[in-house]
Amino acid sequence: MIRDSGDLTASDYLDGAREMAAANRPFLAHLLAEEAARLTADPATAAGIRAGFPAPTTTREGTD
């Protein structure tokens, strides 16, 4: 089912962030959590969401 992103709630984004974290997709989890935090009215709750899904490092480890 395709939904209009305007209909999604902070809880929807947070669920998605958890799914992406479980799928080892930390950057997507971080982005979804940021949107959940943005939609959250309480600053303390928003800070907790952000703390739970920190930005992943941008460096990649290779097998040189």
C-alpha atoms as a PDB file:
ATOM      1  CA  MET A   1       0.000   0.000   0.000  1.00  0.00           C
ATOM      2  CA  ILE A   2       1.402   3.386  -0.999  1.00  0.00           C
ATOM      3  CA  ARG A   3       0.707   6.195   1.428  1.00  0.00           C
ATOM      4  CA  ASP A   4       1.044   9.936   1.144  1.00  0.00           C
ATOM      5  CA  SER A   5       4.111  10.905   3.205  1.00  0.00           C
ATOM      6  CA  GLY A   6       2.051  13.782   4.638  1.00  0.00           C
ATOM      7  CA  ASP A   7      -0.081  11.180   6.412  1.00  0.00           C
ATOM      8  CA  LEU A   8       2.853   9.595   8.252  1.00  0.00           C
ATOM      9  CA  THR A   9       3.305  10.222  11.944  1.00  0.00           C
ATOM     10  CA  ALA A  10       6.409  10.389  14.112  1.00  0.00           C
ATOM     11  CA  SER A  11       5.586   6.856  15.213  1.00  0.00           C
ATOM     12  CA  ASP A  12       5.531   5.663  11.590  1.00  0.00           C
ATOM     13  CA  TYR A  13       8.957   7.169  10.959  1.00  0.00           C
ATOM     14  CA  LEU A  14      10.306   5.726  14.189  1.00  0.00           C
ATOM     15  CA  ASP A  15       9.026   2.261  13.248  1.00  0.00           C
ATOM     16  CA  GLY A  16      10.793   2.625   9.912  1.00  0.00           C
ATOM     17  CA  ALA A  17      13.994   3.707  11.656  1.00  0.00           C
ATOM     18  CA  ARG A  18      13.883   0.599  13.824  1.00  0.00           C
ATOM     19  CA  GLU A  19      13.337  -1.607  10.777  1.00  0.00           C
ATOM     20  CA  MET A  20      16.274  -0.015   8.959  1.00  0.00           C
ATOM     21  CA  ALA A  21      18.514  -0.394  12.009  1.00  0.00           C
ATOM     22  CA  ALA A  22      17.571  -4.072  12.226  1.00  0.00           C
ATOM     23  CA  ALA A  23      18.370  -4.441   8.520  1.00  0.00           C
ATOM     24  CA  ASN A  24      21.836  -2.918   9.099  1.00  0.00           C
ATOM     25  CA  ARG A  25      20.938   0.289   7.237  1.00  0.00           C
ATOM     26  CA  PRO A  26      22.158   2.872   9.787  1.00  0.00           C
ATOM     27  CA  PHE A  27      22.068   5.907   7.504  1.00  0.00           C
ATOM     28  CA  LEU A  28      18.449   5.301   6.508  1.00  0.00           C
ATOM     29  CA  ALA A  29      17.596   4.621  10.149  1.00  0.00           C
ATOM     30  CA  HIS A  30      19.183   7.947  11.084  1.00  0.00           C
ATOM     31  CA  LEU A  31      17.251   9.854   8.402  1.00  0.00           C
ATOM     32  CA  LEU A  32      13.944   8.323   9.425  1.00  0.00           C
ATOM     33  CA  ALA A  33      14.658   9.022  13.090  1.00  0.00           C
ATOM     34  CA  GLU A  34      15.497  12.641  12.272  1.00  0.00           C
ATOM     35  CA  GLU A  35      12.085  13.027  10.643  1.00  0.00           C
ATOM     36  CA  ALA A  36      10.406  11.381  13.630  1.00  0.00           C
ATOM     37  CA  ALA A  37      12.215  13.798  15.937  1.00  0.00           C
ATOM     38  CA  ARG A  38      11.198  16.759  13.756  1.00  0.00           C
ATOM     39  CA  LEU A  39       7.557  15.744  14.047  1.00  0.00           C
ATOM     40  CA  THR A  40       7.791  15.307  17.827  1.00  0.00           C
ATOM     41  CA  ALA A  41       6.528  18.265  19.857  1.00  0.00           C
ATOM     42  CA  ASP A  42       8.409  17.480  23.072  1.00  0.00           C
ATOM     43  CA  PRO A  43      12.094  18.527  22.823  1.00  0.00           C
ATOM     44  CA  ALA A  44      13.225  15.921  25.358  1.00  0.00           C
ATOM     45  CA  THR A  45      11.523  13.123  23.429  1.00  0.00           C
ATOM     46  CA  ALA A  46      12.974  14.417  20.150  1.00  0.00           C
ATOM     47  CA  ALA A  47      16.453  14.472  21.710  1.00  0.00           C
ATOM     48  CA  GLY A  48      15.970  10.891  22.892  1.00  0.00           C
ATOM     49  CA  ILE A  49      15.002   9.784  19.394  1.00  0.00           C
ATOM     50  CA  ARG A  50      18.074  11.468  17.924  1.00  0.00           C
ATOM     51  CA  ALA A  51      20.317   9.904  20.563  1.00  0.00           C
ATOM     52  CA  GLY A  52      18.950   6.457  19.745  1.00  0.00           C
ATOM     53  CA  PHE A  53      19.846   6.790  16.060  1.00  0.00           C
ATOM     54  CA  PRO A  54      23.079   8.798  15.803  1.00  0.00           C
ATOM     55  CA  ALA A  55      24.518   9.760  12.452  1.00  0.00           C
ATOM     56  CA  PRO A  56      26.739   6.963  11.171  1.00  0.00           C
ATOM     57  CA  THR A  57      30.323   7.705  10.311  1.00  0.00           C
ATOM     58  CA  THR A  58      30.940   8.735   6.749  1.00  0.00           C
ATOM     59  CA  THR A  59      34.185   6.845   6.373  1.00  0.00           C
ATOM     60  CA  ARG A  60      34.150   3.428   4.776  1.00  0.00           C
ATOM     61  CA  GLU A  61      36.436   0.622   5.687  1.00  0.00           C
ATOM     62  CA  GLY A  62      37.740  -1.241   2.702  1.00  0.00           C
ATOM     63  CA  THR A  63      39.680  -4.390   2.193  1.00  0.00           C
ATOM     64  CA  ASP A  64      42.788  -2.864   0.622  1.00  0.00           C
END
